[in-house]
Each structure stands twice: as structure tokens, then as C-alpha cells.
N, C-alpha and C. Protein backbone atom coordinates (compact mmCIF):
# COMPACT_ATOMS: atom_id res chain seq x y z
N UNK A 1 -10.52 -5.64 14.54
CA UNK A 1 -9.23 -4.88 14.16
C UNK A 1 -9.28 -3.54 15.06
N UNK A 2 -8.36 -3.69 15.61
CA UNK A 2 -8.14 -2.38 17.01
C UNK A 2 -6.99 -1.78 16.31
N UNK A 3 -7.65 0.02 15.51
CA UNK A 3 -6.41 0.78 15.24
C UNK A 3 -5.80 1.43 16.98
N UNK A 4 -4.60 1.37 16.96
CA UNK A 4 -3.95 1.84 17.98
C UNK A 4 -3.50 3.33 18.07
N UNK A 5 -4.18 4.20 19.23
CA UNK A 5 -4.14 5.31 19.05
C UNK A 5 -3.94 5.98 20.17
N UNK A 6 -2.28 6.06 20.94
CA UNK A 6 -1.96 6.55 22.19
C UNK A 6 -2.73 8.20 22.56
N UNK A 7 -3.52 7.81 23.99
CA UNK A 7 -3.81 9.04 24.13
C UNK A 7 -2.77 10.38 24.29
N UNK A 8 -3.46 11.47 23.25
CA UNK A 8 -3.13 12.39 23.43
C UNK A 8 -2.04 12.77 22.07
N UNK A 9 -1.79 11.85 21.65
CA UNK A 9 -1.16 12.06 20.02
C UNK A 9 -2.12 12.36 19.10
N UNK A 10 -1.15 13.21 18.48
CA UNK A 10 -2.12 13.63 17.62
C UNK A 10 -2.15 12.82 16.32
N UNK A 11 -4.01 13.05 15.55
CA UNK A 11 -4.05 11.93 14.67
C UNK A 11 -2.91 12.03 13.58
N UNK A 12 -2.88 10.48 13.13
CA UNK A 12 -2.19 10.76 11.89
C UNK A 12 -2.71 10.48 10.94
N UNK A 13 -2.61 10.99 9.72
CA UNK A 13 -3.33 11.55 8.68
C UNK A 13 -2.84 10.13 7.11
N UNK A 14 -3.91 9.67 7.46
CA UNK A 14 -3.66 8.64 5.76
C UNK A 14 -3.21 7.31 6.37
N UNK A 15 -2.77 7.00 7.61
CA UNK A 15 -2.53 5.72 8.07
C UNK A 15 -2.76 5.60 9.61
N UNK A 16 -2.56 4.43 10.57
CA UNK A 16 -2.82 4.50 11.66
C UNK A 16 -1.29 4.20 12.75
N UNK A 17 -1.19 4.51 14.02
CA UNK A 17 0.03 4.37 14.29
C UNK A 17 0.32 2.98 15.02
N UNK A 18 -0.75 1.81 14.71
CA UNK A 18 -0.56 0.75 14.98
C UNK A 18 -1.93 0.11 14.43
N UNK A 19 -1.79 -1.12 14.80
CA UNK A 19 -3.11 -2.31 14.71
C UNK A 19 -2.75 -3.79 15.16
N UNK A 20 -3.70 -3.82 15.91
CA UNK A 20 -4.28 -5.01 16.68
C UNK A 20 -5.07 -5.82 15.83
N UNK A 21 -4.75 -7.62 15.35
CA UNK A 21 -6.06 -8.13 14.56
C UNK A 21 -5.30 -9.78 15.18
N UNK A 22 -6.55 -10.30 15.24
CA UNK A 22 -6.58 -12.00 14.95
C UNK A 22 -7.00 -12.70 13.90
N UNK A 23 -6.58 -13.60 13.48
CA UNK A 23 -7.09 -14.03 12.22
C UNK A 23 -6.09 -15.01 11.34
N UNK A 24 -6.36 -15.05 10.13
CA UNK A 24 -4.86 -16.15 9.34
C UNK A 24 -4.30 -14.56 8.83
N UNK A 25 -3.27 -14.91 9.31
CA UNK A 25 -2.26 -13.85 8.21
C UNK A 25 -1.87 -13.87 6.93
N UNK A 26 -1.98 -13.07 6.16
CA UNK A 26 -1.73 -12.97 4.53
C UNK A 26 -0.33 -12.12 4.31
N UNK A 27 0.57 -12.46 3.61
CA UNK A 27 1.54 -11.79 3.35
C UNK A 27 1.41 -11.25 1.95
N UNK A 28 1.86 -10.37 1.25
CA UNK A 28 1.67 -9.86 -0.33
C UNK A 28 3.09 -9.13 -0.11
N UNK A 29 3.72 -9.73 -1.13
CA UNK A 29 5.09 -9.50 -1.89
C UNK A 29 4.97 -8.26 -2.37
N UNK A 30 5.98 -7.22 -2.26
CA UNK A 30 6.34 -6.06 -2.94
C UNK A 30 5.64 -5.77 -4.49
N UNK A 31 4.69 -5.17 -4.68
CA UNK A 31 4.01 -5.08 -5.55
C UNK A 31 4.38 -3.71 -6.46
N UNK A 32 4.84 -4.03 -7.96
CA UNK A 32 5.17 -2.70 -8.54
C UNK A 32 4.12 -2.42 -9.44
N UNK A 33 4.55 -1.20 -10.34
CA UNK A 33 3.32 -0.90 -11.25
C UNK A 33 3.40 -1.41 -12.42
N UNK A 34 3.40 -2.66 -12.62
CA UNK A 34 3.07 -3.53 -13.82
C UNK A 34 1.87 -4.26 -13.76
N UNK A 35 1.77 -4.77 -15.18
CA UNK A 35 0.55 -5.49 -14.57
C UNK A 35 0.57 -6.57 -15.02
N UNK A 36 -0.35 -7.44 -14.84
CA UNK A 36 -0.54 -9.29 -14.93
C UNK A 36 0.81 -9.88 -15.66
N UNK A 37 0.90 -9.41 -16.96
CA UNK A 37 1.83 -9.79 -17.85
C UNK A 37 3.06 -9.21 -17.40
N UNK A 38 3.61 -8.53 -16.65
CA UNK A 38 5.04 -7.71 -16.24
C UNK A 38 5.26 -6.69 -17.32
N UNK A 39 4.29 -6.23 -17.88
CA UNK A 39 4.32 -4.66 -18.59
C UNK A 39 4.14 -3.45 -17.63
N UNK A 40 5.02 -2.51 -17.61
CA UNK A 40 4.40 -0.94 -17.51
C UNK A 40 3.58 -0.24 -18.34
N UNK A 41 2.53 0.09 -18.16
CA UNK A 41 2.19 1.10 -18.80
C UNK A 41 2.17 2.55 -18.45
N UNK A 42 2.64 2.96 -17.71
CA UNK A 42 2.99 4.42 -17.48
C UNK A 42 4.34 4.57 -16.63
N UNK A 43 4.86 5.66 -17.10
CA UNK A 43 5.99 6.07 -16.22
C UNK A 43 5.76 6.99 -14.85
N UNK A 44 4.65 7.28 -14.73
CA UNK A 44 3.86 8.24 -14.03
C UNK A 44 4.09 8.01 -12.58
N UNK A 45 4.26 8.57 -11.41
CA UNK A 45 4.28 7.70 -10.21
C UNK A 45 2.83 7.51 -9.75
N UNK A 46 2.23 8.32 -10.02
CA UNK A 46 0.39 8.06 -9.36
C UNK A 46 0.10 7.04 -10.06
N UNK A 47 0.35 6.89 -11.42
CA UNK A 47 -0.26 6.10 -12.06
C UNK A 47 0.38 4.27 -11.88
N UNK A 48 1.76 4.29 -11.85
CA UNK A 48 2.17 3.20 -10.93
C UNK A 48 1.91 2.80 -9.70
N UNK A 49 1.51 3.83 -8.85
CA UNK A 49 0.50 3.41 -7.24
C UNK A 49 -0.38 3.08 -7.51
N UNK A 50 -1.39 3.20 -8.61
CA UNK A 50 -2.69 2.86 -8.94
C UNK A 50 -2.55 1.46 -9.20
N UNK A 51 -1.55 0.86 -10.14
CA UNK A 51 -1.22 -0.29 -10.63
C UNK A 51 -1.02 -1.23 -9.51
N UNK A 52 -0.04 -0.85 -8.40
CA UNK A 52 0.36 -1.57 -7.68
C UNK A 52 -0.49 -2.01 -6.23
N UNK A 53 -1.48 -0.98 -6.18
CA UNK A 53 -2.47 -0.97 -5.28
C UNK A 53 -3.38 -2.15 -5.79
N UNK A 54 -3.68 -1.94 -7.35
CA UNK A 54 -4.45 -3.00 -7.66
C UNK A 54 -3.87 -4.25 -7.80
N UNK A 55 -2.64 -4.55 -8.13
CA UNK A 55 -2.04 -5.86 -8.21
C UNK A 55 -2.34 -6.48 -6.24
N UNK A 56 -2.17 -5.80 -5.54
CA UNK A 56 -2.11 -5.93 -3.94
C UNK A 56 -3.75 -6.53 -3.86
N UNK A 57 -4.75 -5.76 -4.32
CA UNK A 57 -6.04 -6.17 -4.06
C UNK A 57 -6.29 -7.50 -4.89
N UNK A 58 -5.54 -7.97 -6.12
CA UNK A 58 -5.46 -8.99 -7.02
C UNK A 58 -5.03 -10.17 -5.89
N UNK A 59 -3.90 -9.99 -5.44
CA UNK A 59 -3.20 -11.10 -4.67
C UNK A 59 -4.11 -11.60 -3.51
N UNK A 60 -4.73 -10.37 -2.75
CA UNK A 60 -5.30 -10.86 -1.59
C UNK A 60 -6.49 -11.18 -1.83
N UNK A 61 -7.44 -11.18 -3.24
CA UNK A 61 -8.53 -11.93 -3.60
C UNK A 61 -8.52 -13.34 -3.55
N UNK A 62 -7.05 -13.97 -3.90
CA UNK A 62 -6.56 -15.24 -4.14
C UNK A 62 -6.98 -15.77 -3.09
N UNK A 63 -7.28 -15.26 -1.84
CA UNK A 63 -7.43 -16.03 -0.66
C UNK A 63 -8.50 -15.36 0.37
N UNK A 64 -9.67 -14.52 -0.58
CA UNK A 64 -10.94 -14.31 0.03
C UNK A 64 -10.61 -13.31 1.04
N UNK A 65 -9.46 -12.57 0.60
CA UNK A 65 -9.04 -11.19 1.66
C UNK A 65 -9.40 -9.92 0.93
N UNK A 66 -9.94 -9.30 1.77
CA UNK A 66 -10.20 -7.55 1.07
C UNK A 66 -9.06 -6.66 1.72
N UNK A 67 -9.49 -5.60 0.53
CA UNK A 67 -8.82 -4.32 1.34
C UNK A 67 -8.60 -3.91 3.20
N UNK A 68 -9.83 -4.21 2.78
CA UNK A 68 -10.59 -3.83 4.50
C UNK A 68 -9.40 -4.67 5.72
N UNK A 69 -8.95 -5.94 5.25
CA UNK A 69 -8.17 -6.69 6.20
C UNK A 69 -6.83 -6.21 6.29
N UNK A 70 -6.33 -5.49 5.39
CA UNK A 70 -4.97 -5.05 5.58
C UNK A 70 -4.51 -4.59 7.07
N UNK A 71 -3.32 -5.23 7.81
CA UNK A 71 -3.09 -4.26 8.88
C UNK A 71 -1.50 -3.22 8.71
N UNK A 72 -0.69 -3.68 7.37
CA UNK A 72 0.19 -2.98 7.47
C UNK A 72 0.71 -2.99 6.13
N UNK A 73 1.09 -1.50 5.90
CA UNK A 73 1.32 -1.39 4.23
C UNK A 73 3.46 -0.93 4.57
N UNK A 74 4.15 -1.41 3.57
CA UNK A 74 5.57 -0.98 3.14
C UNK A 74 5.25 -0.21 2.52
N UNK A 75 5.63 1.38 1.86
CA UNK A 75 6.07 1.92 0.35
C UNK A 75 7.40 1.93 0.03
N UNK A 76 7.93 1.11 -0.49
CA UNK A 76 9.18 1.63 -0.95
C UNK A 76 9.32 2.60 -1.98
N UNK A 77 10.08 3.77 -2.14
CA UNK A 77 9.65 4.85 -3.03
C UNK A 77 11.63 5.44 -3.70
N UNK A 78 11.60 5.62 -4.80
CA UNK A 78 13.04 5.80 -5.62
C UNK A 78 12.97 7.43 -5.08
N UNK A 79 12.31 8.19 -5.17
CA UNK A 79 12.25 9.73 -5.10
C UNK A 79 11.34 9.90 -4.10
N UNK A 80 11.27 10.78 -2.83
CA UNK A 80 10.60 10.86 -1.86
C UNK A 80 9.42 12.30 -2.22
N UNK A 81 10.11 13.29 -2.98
CA UNK A 81 9.71 14.36 -3.73
C UNK A 81 8.95 14.21 -4.76
N UNK A 82 8.81 12.76 -5.59
CA UNK A 82 8.05 12.31 -6.58
C UNK A 82 6.87 11.93 -5.75
N UNK A 83 7.02 11.11 -4.75
CA UNK A 83 6.00 10.79 -3.81
C UNK A 83 5.15 11.59 -3.54
N UNK A 84 5.49 13.05 -2.71
CA UNK A 84 5.17 13.93 -2.14
C UNK A 84 4.17 14.63 -2.93
N UNK A 85 4.66 14.89 -4.54
CA UNK A 85 4.44 15.65 -5.27
C UNK A 85 3.11 14.95 -6.12
N UNK A 86 3.43 13.70 -5.95
CA UNK A 86 1.50 13.10 -6.63
C UNK A 86 0.91 12.72 -5.65
N UNK A 87 0.74 13.40 -3.93
CA UNK A 87 -0.05 13.40 -2.88
C UNK A 87 -1.52 12.84 -3.38
N UNK A 88 -1.80 13.86 -3.78
CA UNK A 88 -3.38 14.27 -4.76
C UNK A 88 -3.83 13.05 -4.56
N UNK A 89 -2.88 12.99 -6.12
CA UNK A 89 -3.49 11.72 -7.00
C UNK A 89 -3.37 10.33 -6.49
N UNK A 90 -2.04 10.12 -5.53
CA UNK A 90 -2.26 8.77 -4.68
C UNK A 90 -3.68 8.60 -3.58
N UNK A 91 -3.65 9.48 -2.91
CA UNK A 91 -4.83 9.94 -2.18
C UNK A 91 -5.88 9.43 -2.93
N UNK A 92 -6.09 9.72 -3.95
CA UNK A 92 -7.27 9.48 -4.83
C UNK A 92 -7.60 8.27 -5.45
N UNK A 93 -6.20 7.39 -6.15
CA UNK A 93 -6.08 6.04 -6.06
C UNK A 93 -6.27 5.13 -5.00
N UNK A 94 -5.75 5.59 -3.86
CA UNK A 94 -5.91 5.07 -2.32
C UNK A 94 -7.05 4.45 -2.20
N UNK A 95 -7.92 5.96 -2.00
CA UNK A 95 -9.48 5.79 -1.77
C UNK A 95 -10.04 4.96 -2.57
N UNK A 96 -10.02 5.23 -4.13
CA UNK A 96 -10.53 4.29 -4.87
C UNK A 96 -10.40 2.65 -4.97
N UNK A 97 -9.09 2.40 -4.25
CA UNK A 97 -8.76 1.00 -4.60
C UNK A 97 -9.19 0.51 -3.06
N UNK A 98 -8.30 1.21 -2.16
CA UNK A 98 -8.46 0.57 -0.82
C UNK A 98 -9.36 0.77 -0.19
N UNK A 99 -10.12 2.02 -0.46
CA UNK A 99 -11.24 2.82 0.65
C UNK A 99 -10.61 3.67 1.57
N UNK A 100 -11.33 3.75 2.60
CA UNK A 100 -10.96 4.87 3.47
C UNK A 100 -10.50 3.76 4.48
N UNK A 101 -9.79 3.27 5.06
CA UNK A 101 -9.03 2.08 5.71
C UNK A 101 -7.50 2.82 5.84
N UNK A 102 -7.06 2.58 6.73
CA UNK A 102 -5.47 3.56 6.78
C UNK A 102 -5.24 2.91 7.86
N UNK A 103 -4.43 1.63 7.33
CA UNK A 103 -3.45 0.29 8.30
C UNK A 103 -2.25 1.27 8.66
N UNK A 104 -1.54 0.44 9.37
CA UNK A 104 -0.14 1.04 9.94
C UNK A 104 0.74 0.91 8.37
N UNK A 105 1.37 2.23 8.17
CA UNK A 105 2.39 2.16 6.67
C UNK A 105 3.44 2.73 7.18
N UNK A 106 4.69 2.54 6.37
CA UNK A 106 6.12 2.81 6.14
C UNK A 106 5.76 3.70 5.19
N UNK A 107 6.62 4.68 4.54
CA UNK A 107 6.96 4.78 3.35
C UNK A 107 8.53 4.68 3.38
N UNK A 108 9.47 4.45 2.73
CA UNK A 108 10.67 4.65 2.82
C UNK A 108 11.81 5.17 1.38
N UNK A 109 12.11 5.90 1.30
CA UNK A 109 13.36 5.97 0.15
C UNK A 109 14.00 4.92 -0.14
N UNK A 110 14.59 4.68 -1.11
CA UNK A 110 15.25 3.65 -1.56
C UNK A 110 15.95 4.01 -2.80
N UNK A 111 17.38 3.43 -2.66
CA UNK A 111 18.26 3.91 -3.84
C UNK A 111 17.82 3.23 -5.15
N UNK A 112 17.18 2.28 -5.33
CA UNK A 112 16.77 1.80 -6.32
C UNK A 112 15.43 0.75 -6.22
N UNK A 113 14.60 0.32 -7.23
CA UNK A 113 14.24 -1.17 -7.23
C UNK A 113 14.72 -2.26 -8.09
N UNK A 114 14.81 -3.09 -8.16
CA UNK A 114 15.00 -4.25 -9.03
C UNK A 114 14.46 -3.99 -10.15
N UNK A 115 13.74 -3.98 -10.47
CA UNK A 115 13.09 -3.18 -12.06
C UNK A 115 13.01 -2.17 -11.95
N UNK A 116 14.18 -1.64 -12.90
CA UNK A 116 14.87 -0.41 -13.61
C UNK A 116 13.27 0.97 -13.51
N UNK A 117 12.42 0.24 -14.26
CA UNK A 117 11.25 1.51 -14.48
C UNK A 117 10.12 1.22 -13.24
N UNK A 118 10.44 0.74 -12.14
CA UNK A 118 9.36 0.49 -11.25
C UNK A 118 9.82 2.18 -10.31
N UNK A 119 9.00 2.98 -9.94
CA UNK A 119 9.05 3.87 -9.21
C UNK A 119 8.93 3.87 -7.51
N UNK A 120 7.86 2.54 -7.43
CA UNK A 120 7.48 2.41 -6.02
C UNK A 120 7.08 1.14 -6.21
N UNK A 121 6.76 0.35 -4.80
CA UNK A 121 6.86 -0.89 -4.53
C UNK A 121 5.94 -1.07 -3.23
N UNK A 122 4.82 -1.31 -3.27
CA UNK A 122 4.21 -1.70 -1.86
C UNK A 122 3.89 -3.17 -1.22
N UNK A 123 4.60 -3.29 -0.51
CA UNK A 123 4.56 -4.76 0.50
C UNK A 123 3.19 -4.63 1.55
N UNK A 124 2.44 -5.97 1.73
CA UNK A 124 1.39 -5.57 2.68
C UNK A 124 1.05 -6.87 3.47
N UNK A 125 0.88 -6.82 4.48
CA UNK A 125 0.25 -7.79 5.74
C UNK A 125 -1.54 -7.73 5.75
N UNK A 126 -2.06 -8.17 5.96
CA UNK A 126 -3.18 -8.25 6.20
C UNK A 126 -3.74 -9.55 7.23
N UNK A 127 -4.84 -9.35 7.47
CA UNK A 127 -5.07 -10.17 8.62
C UNK A 127 -6.70 -10.75 8.30
N UNK A 128 -6.99 -11.60 8.03
CA UNK A 128 -8.68 -12.04 7.41
C UNK A 128 -9.02 -12.99 8.91
N UNK A 129 -9.90 -12.33 9.43
CA UNK A 129 -10.66 -12.74 10.65
C UNK A 129 -11.22 -14.24 10.23
N UNK A 130 -11.30 -14.94 11.19
CA UNK A 130 -11.59 -16.47 11.30
C UNK A 130 -12.61 -16.87 11.77
């Protein structure tokens, strides 16, 4: 996996500008902050991020993929202020669950998510080396 950083560009914080990789591609649907039975245990933004990331890792594990194989993440948030306000807690959860691996990432504010209680949805692409 090669992390792409054009010469002279400021280093991004918490993500990469781009990633090049070869291997088996794994696509993970948008994961939200409910458990395996579809139950929300918190309405707290950072708590839902933690659960969504745990859900991503659980799906990746089904194909022996790991967090370090993630090449792209898209975060859909219903309130960017809530996202920014929870930055420290999100960072702690991210490092605990994903580690110090920072793929290409995009965060987008959306009007709503399909599940009314969901505050965040995280979609992932991973490349597992062959």
C-alpha cells in the first residue's frame, strides 16, 4: 500500500490524500451505530462512531481483512458541528479500533440517514494483499 502525498503539500491530519494498493478488494456497506441485532445503545455521536467502526471491523474479519487493509472511508454525518465537537472522542475511538492507519477519507454532511436514530454512517473499501 502506498500513501500518496504530492511534494510540497501540507500533511493531512487523520487521513491520507490518496492510497494505491493491489490485492483483493473488499467493499463494506455503510455501517451505523447499532449493534449486531440492530439496536442503538446510545444517541451520543462519538458512541455511535465507536460502534460503527466496530461493525466495520467485524465485517472485514469475515474475509480475514484487518483495519490496516482499509484504503478508503466515507463518513456521512447528520451534523458537522456534532462531528467536529466530538473530534477528541472520535480520535480516541478510531485509534483504539482502527489503529494509527489513516486511509483516504471523506466526510460529508447529509440531511438525514435512513435510520432516524443514526448520527453517522461509515462506508469502507479495503484491499487485502494476495
